[in-house]
Amino acid sequence: MAEGALRHRAKAAGLDIVIDSAGTGGWHVGEPPDARAQETALRHGVDISGLRGRQVSAADFSRFTHIFALDEDNLEGLRRIAPQHHEAHLGLLLDMVPRLEGRPVADPYYGGPEGFETTWEQVDAAAAALIDRLAR
């Protein structure tokens, strides 16, 4: 959902930036987003059905200037797999949102549909803040 929100916001702002998402583990490589995530994003006008899961690679740390984790566990996982010398800034996605700094994005996986809505609101707020920062 975070990738979808960021792509949507970047397109609306006329920004041509490289956006991708990946997991620190390989559990969902090649799979589409959770159906509940797809439904939630689509309700907000964003189609994420074409996205497929992939795992973070060492090359990502030179390919991207910023890599955001959704929680501290994944941020620590990124730090463990990052090459010793890399240029990418690592941080939490919600660090982009005033008053949400240091907080994890809500994980809706084991809950009901309302959790996916909360997650969408968080990742969309972060996407809006990041695009605003990049546009300046």
N, C-alpha and C. Protein backbone atom coordinates (compact mmCIF):
# COMPACT_ATOMS: atom_id res chain seq x y z
N MET A 1 0.82 -1.19 0.00
CA MET A 1 0.00 0.00 0.00
C MET A 1 0.87 1.26 0.00
N ALA A 2 2.01 1.20 0.70
CA ALA A 2 2.88 2.37 0.74
C ALA A 2 3.40 2.71 -0.65
N GLU A 3 3.81 1.70 -1.40
CA GLU A 3 4.28 1.97 -2.76
C GLU A 3 3.17 2.57 -3.60
N GLY A 4 1.98 2.03 -3.51
CA GLY A 4 0.86 2.55 -4.28
C GLY A 4 0.53 3.99 -3.92
N ALA A 5 0.50 4.28 -2.64
CA ALA A 5 0.22 5.65 -2.20
C ALA A 5 1.28 6.62 -2.70
N LEU A 6 2.54 6.21 -2.61
CA LEU A 6 3.62 7.09 -3.04
C LEU A 6 3.60 7.29 -4.56
N ARG A 7 3.36 6.23 -5.31
CA ARG A 7 3.26 6.37 -6.77
C ARG A 7 2.12 7.31 -7.15
N HIS A 8 0.99 7.15 -6.48
CA HIS A 8 -0.19 7.98 -6.76
C HIS A 8 0.11 9.46 -6.46
N ARG A 9 0.71 9.72 -5.32
CA ARG A 9 1.04 11.10 -4.94
C ARG A 9 2.10 11.71 -5.86
N ALA A 10 3.09 10.92 -6.24
CA ALA A 10 4.16 11.41 -7.14
C ALA A 10 3.58 11.77 -8.51
N LYS A 11 2.72 10.92 -9.02
CA LYS A 11 2.10 11.18 -10.33
C LYS A 11 1.27 12.45 -10.28
N ALA A 12 0.48 12.60 -9.21
CA ALA A 12 -0.37 13.79 -9.07
C ALA A 12 0.46 15.07 -8.99
N ALA A 13 1.67 14.96 -8.41
CA ALA A 13 2.56 16.12 -8.28
C ALA A 13 3.44 16.33 -9.50
N GLY A 14 3.35 15.42 -10.46
CA GLY A 14 4.16 15.54 -11.67
C GLY A 14 5.62 15.20 -11.45
N LEU A 15 5.91 14.42 -10.41
CA LEU A 15 7.30 14.03 -10.13
C LEU A 15 7.63 12.71 -10.80
N ASP A 16 8.79 12.66 -11.43
CA ASP A 16 9.26 11.44 -12.07
C ASP A 16 10.37 10.86 -11.19
N ILE A 17 10.00 10.00 -10.26
CA ILE A 17 10.97 9.40 -9.34
C ILE A 17 10.81 7.89 -9.36
N VAL A 18 11.87 7.20 -9.01
CA VAL A 18 11.85 5.74 -8.95
C VAL A 18 11.30 5.31 -7.60
N ILE A 19 10.25 4.52 -7.63
CA ILE A 19 9.59 4.05 -6.41
C ILE A 19 9.45 2.54 -6.49
N ASP A 20 9.80 1.86 -5.43
CA ASP A 20 9.67 0.41 -5.39
C ASP A 20 9.48 0.00 -3.94
N SER A 21 9.00 -1.20 -3.73
CA SER A 21 8.87 -1.71 -2.38
C SER A 21 9.39 -3.13 -2.35
N ALA A 22 9.85 -3.55 -1.19
CA ALA A 22 10.41 -4.89 -1.02
C ALA A 22 10.35 -5.26 0.45
N GLY A 23 10.38 -6.54 0.71
CA GLY A 23 10.38 -7.02 2.08
C GLY A 23 11.77 -7.43 2.52
N THR A 24 11.98 -7.43 3.82
CA THR A 24 13.27 -7.89 4.33
C THR A 24 13.36 -9.40 4.33
N GLY A 25 12.23 -10.07 4.21
CA GLY A 25 12.19 -11.53 4.10
C GLY A 25 11.59 -11.92 2.76
N GLY A 26 11.74 -13.17 2.39
CA GLY A 26 11.27 -13.62 1.08
C GLY A 26 9.94 -14.33 1.09
N TRP A 27 9.13 -14.14 2.14
CA TRP A 27 7.88 -14.89 2.30
C TRP A 27 6.89 -14.68 1.17
N HIS A 28 6.83 -13.49 0.60
CA HIS A 28 5.78 -13.20 -0.39
C HIS A 28 6.35 -12.82 -1.76
N VAL A 29 7.55 -13.26 -2.05
CA VAL A 29 8.18 -12.93 -3.34
C VAL A 29 7.30 -13.45 -4.48
N GLY A 30 7.02 -12.58 -5.43
CA GLY A 30 6.23 -12.93 -6.60
C GLY A 30 4.73 -12.87 -6.40
N GLU A 31 4.29 -12.65 -5.18
CA GLU A 31 2.85 -12.61 -4.90
C GLU A 31 2.31 -11.18 -5.01
N PRO A 32 1.02 -11.06 -5.37
CA PRO A 32 0.40 -9.73 -5.37
C PRO A 32 0.11 -9.30 -3.93
N PRO A 33 -0.22 -8.04 -3.73
CA PRO A 33 -0.59 -7.58 -2.40
C PRO A 33 -1.82 -8.34 -1.87
N ASP A 34 -1.94 -8.40 -0.58
CA ASP A 34 -3.10 -8.99 0.09
C ASP A 34 -4.37 -8.40 -0.53
N ALA A 35 -5.36 -9.25 -0.75
CA ALA A 35 -6.61 -8.81 -1.37
C ALA A 35 -7.25 -7.66 -0.60
N ARG A 36 -7.13 -7.69 0.74
CA ARG A 36 -7.72 -6.62 1.55
C ARG A 36 -6.98 -5.30 1.33
N ALA A 37 -5.67 -5.38 1.13
CA ALA A 37 -4.89 -4.17 0.83
C ALA A 37 -5.29 -3.63 -0.54
N GLN A 38 -5.46 -4.53 -1.50
CA GLN A 38 -5.88 -4.09 -2.84
C GLN A 38 -7.24 -3.40 -2.79
N GLU A 39 -8.17 -3.99 -2.05
CA GLU A 39 -9.52 -3.40 -1.94
C GLU A 39 -9.46 -2.02 -1.29
N THR A 40 -8.65 -1.89 -0.25
CA THR A 40 -8.55 -0.61 0.45
C THR A 40 -7.95 0.45 -0.46
N ALA A 41 -6.85 0.12 -1.12
CA ALA A 41 -6.21 1.09 -2.02
C ALA A 41 -7.17 1.49 -3.14
N LEU A 42 -7.88 0.52 -3.70
CA LEU A 42 -8.81 0.81 -4.79
C LEU A 42 -9.93 1.74 -4.35
N ARG A 43 -10.38 1.60 -3.10
CA ARG A 43 -11.40 2.52 -2.57
C ARG A 43 -10.87 3.96 -2.56
N HIS A 44 -9.55 4.10 -2.52
CA HIS A 44 -8.93 5.43 -2.53
C HIS A 44 -8.42 5.81 -3.92
N GLY A 45 -8.85 5.07 -4.93
CA GLY A 45 -8.50 5.40 -6.31
C GLY A 45 -7.14 4.92 -6.76
N VAL A 46 -6.55 3.96 -6.04
CA VAL A 46 -5.21 3.49 -6.37
C VAL A 46 -5.26 1.98 -6.61
N ASP A 47 -4.86 1.57 -7.80
CA ASP A 47 -4.84 0.15 -8.17
C ASP A 47 -3.44 -0.41 -7.92
N ILE A 48 -3.33 -1.30 -6.94
CA ILE A 48 -2.03 -1.92 -6.63
C ILE A 48 -2.00 -3.39 -7.03
N SER A 49 -2.99 -3.83 -7.79
CA SER A 49 -3.10 -5.25 -8.15
C SER A 49 -1.93 -5.75 -8.99
N GLY A 50 -1.27 -4.87 -9.71
CA GLY A 50 -0.15 -5.29 -10.56
C GLY A 50 1.18 -5.39 -9.84
N LEU A 51 1.24 -4.97 -8.58
CA LEU A 51 2.49 -5.05 -7.83
C LEU A 51 2.77 -6.49 -7.44
N ARG A 52 4.04 -6.84 -7.32
CA ARG A 52 4.44 -8.17 -6.89
C ARG A 52 5.53 -8.04 -5.84
N GLY A 53 5.48 -8.93 -4.86
CA GLY A 53 6.45 -8.89 -3.78
C GLY A 53 7.85 -9.27 -4.25
N ARG A 54 8.83 -8.64 -3.66
CA ARG A 54 10.23 -8.98 -3.89
C ARG A 54 10.98 -8.76 -2.60
N GLN A 55 12.19 -9.28 -2.53
CA GLN A 55 13.01 -9.13 -1.33
C GLN A 55 14.07 -8.06 -1.57
N VAL A 56 14.36 -7.30 -0.53
CA VAL A 56 15.40 -6.28 -0.60
C VAL A 56 16.72 -6.94 -0.99
N SER A 57 17.49 -6.24 -1.83
CA SER A 57 18.81 -6.75 -2.23
C SER A 57 19.88 -5.71 -1.90
N ALA A 58 21.11 -6.15 -1.89
CA ALA A 58 22.24 -5.24 -1.61
C ALA A 58 22.26 -4.10 -2.63
N ALA A 59 21.86 -4.36 -3.86
CA ALA A 59 21.87 -3.34 -4.91
C ALA A 59 20.91 -2.19 -4.60
N ASP A 60 19.86 -2.46 -3.82
CA ASP A 60 18.90 -1.41 -3.48
C ASP A 60 19.55 -0.26 -2.72
N PHE A 61 20.62 -0.55 -1.99
CA PHE A 61 21.26 0.47 -1.16
C PHE A 61 22.09 1.46 -1.99
N SER A 62 22.34 1.12 -3.25
CA SER A 62 22.97 2.08 -4.15
C SER A 62 21.98 2.59 -5.19
N ARG A 63 20.94 1.82 -5.45
CA ARG A 63 19.92 2.20 -6.44
C ARG A 63 19.02 3.32 -5.93
N PHE A 64 18.76 3.33 -4.61
CA PHE A 64 17.83 4.30 -4.04
C PHE A 64 18.54 5.25 -3.08
N THR A 65 18.06 6.50 -3.03
CA THR A 65 18.63 7.48 -2.10
C THR A 65 18.03 7.35 -0.71
N HIS A 66 16.79 6.84 -0.65
CA HIS A 66 16.08 6.68 0.62
C HIS A 66 15.39 5.32 0.64
N ILE A 67 15.53 4.64 1.76
CA ILE A 67 14.84 3.37 1.97
C ILE A 67 14.13 3.48 3.31
N PHE A 68 12.80 3.31 3.27
CA PHE A 68 11.99 3.44 4.47
C PHE A 68 11.45 2.10 4.91
N ALA A 69 11.53 1.86 6.20
CA ALA A 69 10.94 0.67 6.80
C ALA A 69 9.62 1.07 7.45
N LEU A 70 8.73 0.09 7.62
CA LEU A 70 7.45 0.39 8.23
C LEU A 70 7.46 0.20 9.73
N ASP A 71 8.49 -0.47 10.25
CA ASP A 71 8.61 -0.64 11.70
C ASP A 71 10.08 -0.85 12.08
N GLU A 72 10.34 -0.82 13.37
CA GLU A 72 11.72 -0.93 13.87
C GLU A 72 12.36 -2.27 13.54
N ASP A 73 11.60 -3.37 13.59
CA ASP A 73 12.17 -4.68 13.27
C ASP A 73 12.69 -4.71 11.84
N ASN A 74 11.91 -4.18 10.92
CA ASN A 74 12.35 -4.16 9.53
C ASN A 74 13.47 -3.15 9.29
N LEU A 75 13.47 -2.06 10.05
CA LEU A 75 14.57 -1.11 9.94
C LEU A 75 15.86 -1.77 10.40
N GLU A 76 15.80 -2.52 11.48
CA GLU A 76 16.98 -3.25 11.95
C GLU A 76 17.40 -4.30 10.92
N GLY A 77 16.44 -4.95 10.30
CA GLY A 77 16.75 -5.92 9.24
C GLY A 77 17.45 -5.26 8.08
N LEU A 78 17.02 -4.07 7.70
CA LEU A 78 17.69 -3.32 6.63
C LEU A 78 19.12 -2.98 7.02
N ARG A 79 19.30 -2.57 8.25
CA ARG A 79 20.65 -2.22 8.71
C ARG A 79 21.58 -3.44 8.67
N ARG A 80 21.03 -4.62 8.99
CA ARG A 80 21.84 -5.85 8.97
C ARG A 80 22.27 -6.24 7.57
N ILE A 81 21.41 -6.04 6.58
CA ILE A 81 21.74 -6.48 5.23
C ILE A 81 22.38 -5.39 4.37
N ALA A 82 22.40 -4.16 4.87
CA ALA A 82 23.00 -3.06 4.11
C ALA A 82 24.50 -3.28 3.93
N PRO A 83 25.01 -3.02 2.73
CA PRO A 83 26.46 -3.06 2.55
C PRO A 83 27.13 -2.08 3.51
N GLN A 84 28.35 -2.36 3.85
CA GLN A 84 29.06 -1.52 4.83
C GLN A 84 29.10 -0.06 4.41
N HIS A 85 29.35 0.20 3.15
CA HIS A 85 29.40 1.58 2.64
C HIS A 85 28.25 1.75 1.64
N HIS A 86 27.27 2.53 2.03
CA HIS A 86 26.14 2.79 1.13
C HIS A 86 25.70 4.23 1.29
N GLU A 87 25.03 4.72 0.27
CA GLU A 87 24.59 6.11 0.25
C GLU A 87 23.14 6.28 0.70
N ALA A 88 22.36 5.22 0.69
CA ALA A 88 20.93 5.33 0.99
C ALA A 88 20.68 5.76 2.43
N HIS A 89 19.76 6.68 2.58
CA HIS A 89 19.30 7.08 3.92
C HIS A 89 18.28 6.03 4.36
N LEU A 90 18.44 5.50 5.56
CA LEU A 90 17.50 4.53 6.12
C LEU A 90 16.69 5.20 7.22
N GLY A 91 15.41 4.93 7.25
CA GLY A 91 14.57 5.50 8.31
C GLY A 91 13.21 4.86 8.33
N LEU A 92 12.40 5.29 9.26
CA LEU A 92 11.01 4.83 9.36
C LEU A 92 10.12 5.71 8.48
N LEU A 93 9.17 5.09 7.81
CA LEU A 93 8.30 5.84 6.92
C LEU A 93 7.54 6.94 7.65
N LEU A 94 7.04 6.64 8.84
CA LEU A 94 6.25 7.65 9.55
C LEU A 94 7.09 8.78 10.14
N ASP A 95 8.42 8.69 10.02
CA ASP A 95 9.26 9.82 10.39
C ASP A 95 8.99 11.02 9.49
N MET A 96 8.35 10.79 8.35
CA MET A 96 8.00 11.87 7.42
C MET A 96 6.80 12.67 7.90
N VAL A 97 6.03 12.10 8.83
CA VAL A 97 4.76 12.71 9.24
C VAL A 97 4.92 13.38 10.61
N PRO A 98 4.72 14.70 10.67
CA PRO A 98 4.80 15.37 11.97
C PRO A 98 3.89 14.70 13.01
N ARG A 99 4.41 14.54 14.19
CA ARG A 99 3.74 13.93 15.35
C ARG A 99 3.61 12.41 15.26
N LEU A 100 4.12 11.80 14.19
CA LEU A 100 4.13 10.33 14.09
C LEU A 100 5.56 9.78 14.02
N GLU A 101 6.54 10.65 14.18
CA GLU A 101 7.94 10.25 14.09
C GLU A 101 8.22 9.12 15.08
N GLY A 102 8.98 8.13 14.62
CA GLY A 102 9.39 7.03 15.47
C GLY A 102 8.34 5.94 15.64
N ARG A 103 7.17 6.14 15.08
CA ARG A 103 6.10 5.15 15.24
C ARG A 103 6.07 4.18 14.06
N PRO A 104 5.64 2.95 14.30
CA PRO A 104 5.50 1.99 13.20
C PRO A 104 4.18 2.20 12.46
N VAL A 105 4.17 1.83 11.20
CA VAL A 105 2.91 1.78 10.46
C VAL A 105 2.12 0.60 11.03
N ALA A 106 0.83 0.79 11.21
CA ALA A 106 -0.02 -0.28 11.74
C ALA A 106 0.03 -1.50 10.82
N ASP A 107 0.21 -2.68 11.40
CA ASP A 107 0.22 -3.92 10.63
C ASP A 107 -1.19 -4.50 10.66
N PRO A 108 -1.91 -4.47 9.54
CA PRO A 108 -3.31 -4.90 9.53
C PRO A 108 -3.52 -6.38 9.25
N TYR A 109 -2.45 -7.11 9.01
CA TYR A 109 -2.55 -8.46 8.44
C TYR A 109 -3.48 -9.39 9.20
N TYR A 110 -3.41 -9.40 10.53
CA TYR A 110 -4.20 -10.36 11.30
C TYR A 110 -5.52 -9.80 11.82
N GLY A 111 -5.85 -8.59 11.40
CA GLY A 111 -7.10 -7.99 11.85
C GLY A 111 -8.13 -7.92 10.75
N GLY A 112 -9.12 -7.08 10.96
CA GLY A 112 -10.19 -6.91 10.00
C GLY A 112 -9.93 -5.79 9.02
N PRO A 113 -10.91 -5.49 8.17
CA PRO A 113 -10.75 -4.47 7.13
C PRO A 113 -10.43 -3.08 7.67
N GLU A 114 -10.90 -2.76 8.88
CA GLU A 114 -10.64 -1.43 9.43
C GLU A 114 -9.15 -1.19 9.65
N GLY A 115 -8.41 -2.25 9.91
CA GLY A 115 -6.96 -2.12 10.07
C GLY A 115 -6.29 -1.70 8.78
N PHE A 116 -6.78 -2.19 7.66
CA PHE A 116 -6.22 -1.81 6.36
C PHE A 116 -6.50 -0.34 6.07
N GLU A 117 -7.63 0.14 6.52
CA GLU A 117 -7.95 1.56 6.35
C GLU A 117 -7.00 2.42 7.17
N THR A 118 -6.73 2.02 8.40
CA THR A 118 -5.78 2.74 9.24
C THR A 118 -4.40 2.75 8.60
N THR A 119 -3.98 1.61 8.10
CA THR A 119 -2.68 1.52 7.43
C THR A 119 -2.65 2.43 6.21
N TRP A 120 -3.71 2.43 5.42
CA TRP A 120 -3.75 3.30 4.25
C TRP A 120 -3.61 4.76 4.67
N GLU A 121 -4.35 5.16 5.68
CA GLU A 121 -4.27 6.56 6.14
C GLU A 121 -2.85 6.93 6.53
N GLN A 122 -2.15 6.03 7.20
CA GLN A 122 -0.77 6.30 7.62
C GLN A 122 0.18 6.38 6.43
N VAL A 123 0.12 5.39 5.53
CA VAL A 123 1.07 5.40 4.41
C VAL A 123 0.76 6.53 3.44
N ASP A 124 -0.50 6.89 3.31
CA ASP A 124 -0.85 8.02 2.44
C ASP A 124 -0.38 9.33 3.03
N ALA A 125 -0.49 9.48 4.35
CA ALA A 125 0.02 10.69 5.00
C ALA A 125 1.53 10.80 4.81
N ALA A 126 2.22 9.68 4.94
CA ALA A 126 3.68 9.69 4.74
C ALA A 126 4.01 9.99 3.29
N ALA A 127 3.26 9.43 2.37
CA ALA A 127 3.48 9.70 0.95
C ALA A 127 3.28 11.19 0.63
N ALA A 128 2.23 11.76 1.18
CA ALA A 128 1.96 13.19 0.95
C ALA A 128 3.10 14.04 1.49
N ALA A 129 3.57 13.72 2.68
CA ALA A 129 4.65 14.49 3.29
C ALA A 129 5.96 14.33 2.51
N LEU A 130 6.24 13.13 2.07
CA LEU A 130 7.47 12.89 1.33
C LEU A 130 7.43 13.59 -0.02
N ILE A 131 6.31 13.50 -0.72
CA ILE A 131 6.19 14.17 -2.02
C ILE A 131 6.27 15.68 -1.84
N ASP A 132 5.68 16.21 -0.79
CA ASP A 132 5.78 17.64 -0.52
C ASP A 132 7.24 18.05 -0.33
N ARG A 133 7.97 17.24 0.41
CA ARG A 133 9.39 17.52 0.64
C ARG A 133 10.19 17.44 -0.65
N LEU A 134 9.92 16.45 -1.47
CA LEU A 134 10.65 16.29 -2.74
C LEU A 134 10.29 17.38 -3.74
N ALA A 135 9.05 17.83 -3.72
CA ALA A 135 8.61 18.86 -4.65
C ALA A 135 9.25 20.22 -4.36
N ARG A 136 9.65 20.42 -3.10
CA ARG A 136 10.29 21.68 -2.73
C ARG A 136 11.71 21.62 -3.16
